[in-house]
C-alpha cells in the first residue's frame, strides 16, 4: 500500500474533520481541522474557507491552535459534513495542504 493509499483511500483524506458553519450565510463558511500527530507537537492546524477560496475575493486562511478547536465541542464551527460535501475548490485546497502536511507526493 502506498503512502497516498494509506492516508487518502479513494482520494479522500482520512485525518481531517470538516464543518459547515451556516449553509452559506457567512463568508467564512467552511472549517477543516487537520488531525493526527503530523508535526510532533500539540495542537492542531485548521483551514477556514469561503466557497471559492481561490477567487480574488475568496477566503482561504490557515491557522493553528494549541488544542483542537473542535473538541470537546464543535458547535461554534457549525455542523459536521463529509469531505465530499465541500465545494470542489475547497476540496482542492484541503488536499494540497493535506499532502504537504503528511508528505504525500
C-alpha atoms as a PDB file:
ATOM      1  CA  UNK A   1       0.000   0.000   0.000  1.00  0.00           C
ATOM      2  CA  UNK A   2       1.385   3.409  -0.951  1.00  0.00           C
ATOM      3  CA  UNK A   3       1.517   6.339   1.459  1.00  0.00           C
ATOM      4  CA  UNK A   4      -1.239   8.068  -0.542  1.00  0.00           C
ATOM      5  CA  UNK A   5      -3.476   4.986  -0.372  1.00  0.00           C
ATOM      6  CA  UNK A   6      -2.870   4.798   3.382  1.00  0.00           C
ATOM      7  CA  UNK A   7      -3.679   8.449   4.116  1.00  0.00           C
ATOM      8  CA  UNK A   8      -6.146   9.100   1.262  1.00  0.00           C
ATOM      9  CA  UNK A   9      -8.195   5.990   0.478  1.00  0.00           C
ATOM     10  CA  UNK A  10     -10.210   6.620  -2.693  1.00  0.00           C
ATOM     11  CA  UNK A  11      -8.708  10.126  -2.824  1.00  0.00           C
ATOM     12  CA  UNK A  12     -10.389  11.203   0.433  1.00  0.00           C
ATOM     13  CA  UNK A  13      -8.183  12.497   3.269  1.00  0.00           C
ATOM     14  CA  UNK A  14      -8.595  10.307   6.376  1.00  0.00           C
ATOM     15  CA  UNK A  15      -7.183  12.613   9.024  1.00  0.00           C
ATOM     16  CA  UNK A  16      -9.471  15.647   8.803  1.00  0.00           C
ATOM     17  CA  UNK A  17     -12.784  16.831  10.200  1.00  0.00           C
ATOM     18  CA  UNK A  18     -14.968  19.163   8.096  1.00  0.00           C
ATOM     19  CA  UNK A  19     -17.595  21.676   9.208  1.00  0.00           C
ATOM     20  CA  UNK A  20     -20.171  23.909   7.530  1.00  0.00           C
ATOM     21  CA  UNK A  21     -20.899  26.945   9.676  1.00  0.00           C
ATOM     22  CA  UNK A  22     -24.265  28.074   8.390  1.00  0.00           C
ATOM     23  CA  UNK A  23     -25.185  26.791   4.937  1.00  0.00           C
ATOM     24  CA  UNK A  24     -23.756  29.882   3.214  1.00  0.00           C
ATOM     25  CA  UNK A  25     -24.950  32.779   5.356  1.00  0.00           C
ATOM     26  CA  UNK A  26     -21.411  33.918   6.226  1.00  0.00           C
ATOM     27  CA  UNK A  27     -18.281  34.402   4.150  1.00  0.00           C
ATOM     28  CA  UNK A  28     -16.069  32.044   6.192  1.00  0.00           C
ATOM     29  CA  UNK A  29     -18.435  29.136   5.791  1.00  0.00           C
ATOM     30  CA  UNK A  30     -16.157  26.075   5.957  1.00  0.00           C
ATOM     31  CA  UNK A  31     -13.597  24.919   8.509  1.00  0.00           C
ATOM     32  CA  UNK A  32     -11.392  21.860   8.126  1.00  0.00           C
ATOM     33  CA  UNK A  33      -9.389  20.599  11.100  1.00  0.00           C
ATOM     34  CA  UNK A  34      -6.293  18.516  10.345  1.00  0.00           C
ATOM     35  CA  UNK A  35      -5.894  15.660  12.828  1.00  0.00           C
ATOM     36  CA  UNK A  36      -3.110  13.308  13.819  1.00  0.00           C
ATOM     37  CA  UNK A  37       0.435  13.762  15.065  1.00  0.00           C
ATOM     38  CA  UNK A  38       1.979  15.070  11.845  1.00  0.00           C
ATOM     39  CA  UNK A  39       4.344  17.680  13.295  1.00  0.00           C
ATOM     40  CA  UNK A  40       5.239  16.008  16.594  1.00  0.00           C
ATOM     41  CA  UNK A  41       3.635  18.816  18.556  1.00  0.00           C
ATOM     42  CA  UNK A  42       0.484  19.519  20.492  1.00  0.00           C
ATOM     43  CA  UNK A  43      -2.409  21.404  18.944  1.00  0.00           C
ATOM     44  CA  UNK A  44      -3.935  21.400  15.521  1.00  0.00           C
ATOM     45  CA  UNK A  45      -3.799  23.154  12.198  1.00  0.00           C
ATOM     46  CA  UNK A  46      -7.025  24.216  10.573  1.00  0.00           C
ATOM     47  CA  UNK A  47      -8.221  25.884   7.403  1.00  0.00           C
ATOM     48  CA  UNK A  48     -11.073  28.377   7.140  1.00  0.00           C
ATOM     49  CA  UNK A  49     -12.597  28.925   3.685  1.00  0.00           C
ATOM     50  CA  UNK A  50     -15.298  30.558   1.662  1.00  0.00           C
ATOM     51  CA  UNK A  51     -16.981  28.584  -1.119  1.00  0.00           C
ATOM     52  CA  UNK A  52     -14.381  29.887  -3.608  1.00  0.00           C
ATOM     53  CA  UNK A  53     -11.062  30.077  -1.749  1.00  0.00           C
ATOM     54  CA  UNK A  54      -9.022  30.654  -4.939  1.00  0.00           C
ATOM     55  CA  UNK A  55     -11.138  33.555  -6.188  1.00  0.00           C
ATOM     56  CA  UNK A  56      -9.531  37.027  -5.765  1.00  0.00           C
ATOM     57  CA  UNK A  57     -12.410  37.928  -3.441  1.00  0.00           C
ATOM     58  CA  UNK A  58     -12.497  34.495  -1.817  1.00  0.00           C
ATOM     59  CA  UNK A  59     -11.165  33.426   1.557  1.00  0.00           C
ATOM     60  CA  UNK A  60      -8.792  30.643   2.499  1.00  0.00           C
ATOM     61  CA  UNK A  61      -6.755  31.085   5.661  1.00  0.00           C
ATOM     62  CA  UNK A  62      -4.617  28.726   7.710  1.00  0.00           C
ATOM     63  CA  UNK A  63      -4.472  28.727  11.471  1.00  0.00           C
ATOM     64  CA  UNK A  64      -3.022  26.820  14.405  1.00  0.00           C
ATOM     65  CA  UNK A  65      -4.256  26.429  17.954  1.00  0.00           C
ATOM     66  CA  UNK A  66      -2.565  24.877  20.979  1.00  0.00           C
ATOM     67  CA  UNK A  67      -5.500  22.488  21.398  1.00  0.00           C
ATOM     68  CA  UNK A  68      -8.018  21.074  18.923  1.00  0.00           C
ATOM     69  CA  UNK A  69     -10.532  23.794  18.041  1.00  0.00           C
ATOM     70  CA  UNK A  70     -13.378  21.312  17.639  1.00  0.00           C
ATOM     71  CA  UNK A  71     -13.152  19.200  20.810  1.00  0.00           C
ATOM     72  CA  UNK A  72     -14.801  18.694  23.181  1.00  0.00           C
ATOM     73  CA  UNK A  73     -17.393  20.841  21.356  1.00  0.00           C
ATOM     74  CA  UNK A  74     -17.662  21.905  17.749  1.00  0.00           C
ATOM     75  CA  UNK A  75     -20.994  23.721  17.613  1.00  0.00           C
ATOM     76  CA  UNK A  76     -19.213  27.061  17.079  1.00  0.00           C
ATOM     77  CA  UNK A  77     -17.925  25.620  13.784  1.00  0.00           C
ATOM     78  CA  UNK A  78     -21.342  24.508  12.536  1.00  0.00           C
ATOM     79  CA  UNK A  79     -22.422  21.040  11.560  1.00  0.00           C
ATOM     80  CA  UNK A  80     -20.091  18.201  10.641  1.00  0.00           C
ATOM     81  CA  UNK A  81     -20.035  17.388   6.947  1.00  0.00           C
ATOM     82  CA  UNK A  82     -18.269  14.871   4.756  1.00  0.00           C
ATOM     83  CA  UNK A  83     -15.206  15.898   2.758  1.00  0.00           C
ATOM     84  CA  UNK A  84     -17.217  15.153  -0.398  1.00  0.00           C
ATOM     85  CA  UNK A  85     -19.744  17.832   0.629  1.00  0.00           C
ATOM     86  CA  UNK A  86     -17.140  20.603   0.343  1.00  0.00           C
ATOM     87  CA  UNK A  87     -17.134  22.581  -2.922  1.00  0.00           C
ATOM     88  CA  UNK A  88     -14.563  21.370  -5.465  1.00  0.00           C
ATOM     89  CA  UNK A  89     -12.172  24.303  -4.912  1.00  0.00           C
ATOM     90  CA  UNK A  90     -12.288  23.739  -1.145  1.00  0.00           C
ATOM     91  CA  UNK A  91     -11.509  20.047  -1.667  1.00  0.00           C
ATOM     92  CA  UNK A  92      -8.537  21.004  -3.840  1.00  0.00           C
ATOM     93  CA  UNK A  93      -7.180  23.387  -1.204  1.00  0.00           C
ATOM     94  CA  UNK A  94      -7.625  20.809   1.557  1.00  0.00           C
ATOM     95  CA  UNK A  95      -5.895  18.078  -0.460  1.00  0.00           C
ATOM     96  CA  UNK A  96      -2.981  20.383  -1.319  1.00  0.00           C
ATOM     97  CA  UNK A  97      -2.455  21.202   2.360  1.00  0.00           C
ATOM     98  CA  UNK A  98      -3.071  17.629   3.497  1.00  0.00           C
ATOM     99  CA  UNK A  99      -0.471  16.216   1.105  1.00  0.00           C
ATOM    100  CA  UNK A 100       2.039  18.783   2.302  1.00  0.00           C
ATOM    101  CA  UNK A 101       1.341  18.019   5.978  1.00  0.00           C
ATOM    102  CA  UNK A 102       1.662  14.253   5.520  1.00  0.00           C
ATOM    103  CA  UNK A 103       4.479  14.396   2.936  1.00  0.00           C
ATOM    104  CA  UNK A 104       2.496  12.773   0.133  1.00  0.00           C
ATOM    105  CA  UNK A 105       3.608  13.335  -3.447  1.00  0.00           C
END
